[in-house]
């Protein structure tokens, strides 16, 4: 796992990420890909081994993971009309 800091907007793990989001903790392969495309710099040396072990890896969260509506007509409970 590596820590990277984006220097431009880039797709990381299939999601468009932006520099203002700060340092991202990603797999070595994903870090190498983004760095090779001049989208990030490796800042792993700024972090300890303990921080590396404790930091969660960046992952993709889908609508299904968030229990979001799956049908076009469905609305979250907060927006449902009160009848």
Protein backbone atom coordinates (compact mmCIF):
# COMPACT_ATOMS: atom_id res chain seq x y z
CA UNK A 1 0.00 0.00 0.00
CA UNK A 2 1.15 3.51 -0.80
CA UNK A 3 0.08 7.02 0.10
CA UNK A 4 -0.31 9.33 -2.91
CA UNK A 5 -1.14 12.99 -3.28
CA UNK A 6 -2.92 13.95 -6.47
CA UNK A 7 -1.46 16.84 -8.45
CA UNK A 8 -4.34 16.86 -10.90
CA UNK A 9 -7.77 15.26 -11.10
CA UNK A 10 -7.41 11.55 -11.84
CA UNK A 11 -9.33 8.30 -11.82
CA UNK A 12 -8.32 6.32 -8.74
CA UNK A 13 -9.87 2.88 -8.32
CA UNK A 14 -12.42 3.77 -10.99
CA UNK A 15 -13.57 7.01 -9.32
CA UNK A 16 -12.68 10.55 -10.38
CA UNK A 17 -10.74 12.06 -7.48
CA UNK A 18 -9.42 15.60 -7.00
CA UNK A 19 -6.31 17.09 -5.34
CA UNK A 20 -8.32 18.89 -2.65
CA UNK A 21 -9.31 15.49 -1.20
CA UNK A 22 -5.86 15.12 0.34
CA UNK A 23 -3.67 12.05 0.56
CA UNK A 24 -5.11 8.73 -0.63
CA UNK A 25 -4.09 5.27 0.61
CA UNK A 26 -4.12 2.93 -2.39
CA UNK A 27 -2.64 -0.34 -3.58
CA UNK A 28 0.86 -0.33 -5.03
CA UNK A 29 -0.46 -1.12 -8.52
CA UNK A 30 -3.00 1.70 -8.46
CA UNK A 31 -0.41 4.14 -7.07
CA UNK A 32 2.10 3.20 -9.76
CA UNK A 33 -0.53 3.64 -12.50
CA UNK A 34 -1.59 7.12 -11.34
CA UNK A 35 2.02 8.23 -10.75
CA UNK A 36 3.12 6.99 -14.21
CA UNK A 37 0.30 9.05 -15.75
CA UNK A 38 1.66 12.18 -14.00
CA UNK A 39 -1.46 12.41 -11.84
CA UNK A 40 0.11 12.02 -8.39
CA UNK A 41 3.26 11.93 -6.32
CA UNK A 42 4.24 9.23 -3.84
CA UNK A 43 4.23 10.61 -0.30
CA UNK A 44 4.55 7.25 1.48
CA UNK A 45 7.83 8.31 3.12
CA UNK A 46 5.87 10.92 5.10
CA UNK A 47 3.97 8.16 6.94
CA UNK A 48 5.11 5.56 9.47
CA UNK A 49 4.69 1.80 9.09
CA UNK A 50 2.05 1.92 11.82
CA UNK A 51 0.04 4.56 9.94
CA UNK A 52 0.29 2.45 6.80
CA UNK A 53 -1.00 -0.61 8.63
CA UNK A 54 -3.87 1.27 10.31
CA UNK A 55 -5.07 3.38 7.38
CA UNK A 56 -7.98 1.94 5.42
CA UNK A 57 -7.45 1.49 1.69
CA UNK A 58 -9.46 3.65 -0.69
CA UNK A 59 -12.42 1.73 -2.08
CA UNK A 60 -15.36 2.26 -4.36
CA UNK A 61 -18.77 2.61 -2.72
CA UNK A 62 -21.67 1.89 -5.04
CA UNK A 63 -25.32 2.87 -4.73
CA UNK A 64 -26.08 -0.72 -3.73
CA UNK A 65 -23.60 -0.44 -0.85
CA UNK A 66 -25.39 2.69 0.39
CA UNK A 67 -28.87 1.14 0.02
CA UNK A 68 -29.79 3.88 -2.43
CA UNK A 69 -32.97 3.64 -4.51
CA UNK A 70 -32.61 1.21 -7.38
CA UNK A 71 -35.64 2.21 -9.44
CA UNK A 72 -36.09 5.57 -11.07
CA UNK A 73 -39.40 6.13 -9.28
CA UNK A 74 -38.14 5.18 -5.82
CA UNK A 75 -37.38 8.00 -3.43
CA UNK A 76 -35.47 7.92 -0.16
CA UNK A 77 -37.72 8.01 2.90
CA UNK A 78 -36.66 11.59 3.70
CA UNK A 79 -38.13 12.77 0.39
CA UNK A 80 -41.26 10.60 0.34
CA UNK A 81 -44.46 12.58 0.53
CA UNK A 82 -46.35 12.37 3.79
CA UNK A 83 -49.87 11.15 3.16
